[in-house]
Amino acid sequence: MKEREFYKDLLNEADNIIYITENTSHPFISKQNRYIIEQSSYCICALQSEKSETIQIIQYAKEKGLSIVNIAE
């Protein structure tokens, strides 16, 4: 629940939000995350646990050469 509240707070602070799909099943989220990484120069994340799926997204961002900023550190 703590992560969900943190996510909602981040959305409230965003200047712009782009929705790729409204489907929240895993394959669509994965496709959405890849699209976002491919359009970005930085990966600003809130990684609080190495066991979360977020780590896979961050690894993909690193492979694409993005600078990673973890705001949860």
C-alpha atoms as a PDB file:
ATOM      1  CA  MET A   1       0.000   0.000   0.000  1.00  0.00           C
ATOM      2  CA  LYS A   2       2.883   2.353   0.757  1.00  0.00           C
ATOM      3  CA  GLU A   3       4.212   1.977  -2.818  1.00  0.00           C
ATOM      4  CA  ARG A   4       0.783   2.718  -4.310  1.00  0.00           C
ATOM      5  CA  GLU A   5       0.461   5.944  -2.298  1.00  0.00           C
ATOM      6  CA  PHE A   6       3.985   6.943  -3.345  1.00  0.00           C
ATOM      7  CA  TYR A   7       3.057   6.297  -7.002  1.00  0.00           C
ATOM      8  CA  LYS A   8      -0.082   8.423  -6.711  1.00  0.00           C
ATOM      9  CA  ASP A   9       1.960  11.249  -5.192  1.00  0.00           C
ATOM     10  CA  LEU A  10       4.390  11.055  -8.130  1.00  0.00           C
ATOM     11  CA  LEU A  11       1.518  11.290 -10.611  1.00  0.00           C
ATOM     12  CA  ASN A  12       0.192  14.361  -8.847  1.00  0.00           C
ATOM     13  CA  GLU A  13       3.586  16.051  -9.248  1.00  0.00           C
ATOM     14  CA  ALA A  14       4.022  15.185 -12.947  1.00  0.00           C
ATOM     15  CA  ASP A  15       3.941  17.926 -15.574  1.00  0.00           C
ATOM     16  CA  ASN A  16       2.739  15.496 -18.232  1.00  0.00           C
ATOM     17  CA  ILE A  17       1.367  11.949 -18.203  1.00  0.00           C
ATOM     18  CA  ILE A  18       1.184   9.814 -21.351  1.00  0.00           C
ATOM     19  CA  TYR A  19      -0.986   6.698 -21.263  1.00  0.00           C
ATOM     20  CA  ILE A  20       0.150   3.998 -23.697  1.00  0.00           C
ATOM     21  CA  THR A  21      -2.684   1.609 -22.854  1.00  0.00           C
ATOM     22  CA  GLU A  22      -5.394   1.288 -20.267  1.00  0.00           C
ATOM     23  CA  ASN A  23      -4.825  -2.463 -20.112  1.00  0.00           C
ATOM     24  CA  THR A  24      -2.935  -3.256 -16.923  1.00  0.00           C
ATOM     25  CA  SER A  25      -2.109  -6.902 -17.603  1.00  0.00           C
ATOM     26  CA  HIS A  26       1.578  -7.804 -17.393  1.00  0.00           C
ATOM     27  CA  PRO A  27       2.346  -8.022 -21.166  1.00  0.00           C
ATOM     28  CA  PHE A  28       0.883  -4.564 -21.773  1.00  0.00           C
ATOM     29  CA  ILE A  29       2.714  -2.994 -18.826  1.00  0.00           C
ATOM     30  CA  SER A  30       5.968  -4.524 -20.058  1.00  0.00           C
ATOM     31  CA  LYS A  31       5.377  -3.119 -23.569  1.00  0.00           C
ATOM     32  CA  GLN A  32       4.508   0.272 -22.092  1.00  0.00           C
ATOM     33  CA  ASN A  33       7.659   0.337 -19.977  1.00  0.00           C
ATOM     34  CA  ARG A  34       9.874  -0.562 -22.949  1.00  0.00           C
ATOM     35  CA  TYR A  35       8.277   2.247 -24.982  1.00  0.00           C
ATOM     36  CA  ILE A  36       8.896   4.757 -22.208  1.00  0.00           C
ATOM     37  CA  ILE A  37      12.540   3.694 -21.825  1.00  0.00           C
ATOM     38  CA  GLU A  38      13.100   3.901 -25.588  1.00  0.00           C
ATOM     39  CA  GLN A  39      11.783   7.490 -25.621  1.00  0.00           C
ATOM     40  CA  SER A  40      13.858   8.636 -22.646  1.00  0.00           C
ATOM     41  CA  SER A  41      17.335   9.830 -21.747  1.00  0.00           C
ATOM     42  CA  TYR A  42      16.915   9.277 -18.009  1.00  0.00           C
ATOM     43  CA  CYS A  43      15.195   6.688 -15.873  1.00  0.00           C
ATOM     44  CA  ILE A  44      13.858   8.312 -12.733  1.00  0.00           C
ATOM     45  CA  CYS A  45      12.563   5.554 -10.513  1.00  0.00           C
ATOM     46  CA  ALA A  46      11.497   4.852  -6.957  1.00  0.00           C
ATOM     47  CA  LEU A  47      13.140   1.479  -6.384  1.00  0.00           C
ATOM     48  CA  GLN A  48      12.493   0.450  -2.797  1.00  0.00           C
ATOM     49  CA  SER A  49      13.124  -3.289  -3.125  1.00  0.00           C
ATOM     50  CA  GLU A  50      15.427  -5.338  -5.348  1.00  0.00           C
ATOM     51  CA  LYS A  51      12.659  -7.978  -5.411  1.00  0.00           C
ATOM     52  CA  SER A  52      10.164  -5.811  -7.300  1.00  0.00           C
ATOM     53  CA  GLU A  53       9.469  -5.933 -11.027  1.00  0.00           C
ATOM     54  CA  THR A  54      10.851  -2.408 -11.210  1.00  0.00           C
ATOM     55  CA  ILE A  55      14.366  -3.852 -11.200  1.00  0.00           C
ATOM     56  CA  GLN A  56      13.717  -5.432 -14.626  1.00  0.00           C
ATOM     57  CA  ILE A  57      12.706  -2.059 -16.050  1.00  0.00           C
ATOM     58  CA  ILE A  58      15.795  -0.424 -14.569  1.00  0.00           C
ATOM     59  CA  GLN A  59      18.020  -3.142 -16.024  1.00  0.00           C
ATOM     60  CA  TYR A  60      16.486  -2.534 -19.467  1.00  0.00           C
ATOM     61  CA  ALA A  61      17.098   1.202 -19.057  1.00  0.00           C
ATOM     62  CA  LYS A  62      20.746   0.527 -18.171  1.00  0.00           C
ATOM     63  CA  GLU A  63      21.105  -1.688 -21.264  1.00  0.00           C
ATOM     64  CA  LYS A  64      19.783   1.206 -23.372  1.00  0.00           C
ATOM     65  CA  GLY A  65      22.351   3.561 -21.814  1.00  0.00           C
ATOM     66  CA  LEU A  66      19.992   5.704 -19.742  1.00  0.00           C
ATOM     67  CA  SER A  67      21.165   7.546 -16.647  1.00  0.00           C
ATOM     68  CA  ILE A  68      19.362   6.080 -13.616  1.00  0.00           C
ATOM     69  CA  VAL A  69      18.127   8.276 -10.746  1.00  0.00           C
ATOM     70  CA  ASN A  70      16.527   6.428  -7.830  1.00  0.00           C
ATOM     71  CA  ILE A  71      14.549   8.970  -5.813  1.00  0.00           C
ATOM     72  CA  ALA A  72      13.819   6.401  -3.110  1.00  0.00           C
ATOM     73  CA  GLU A  73      17.464   6.231  -1.999  1.00  0.00           C
END
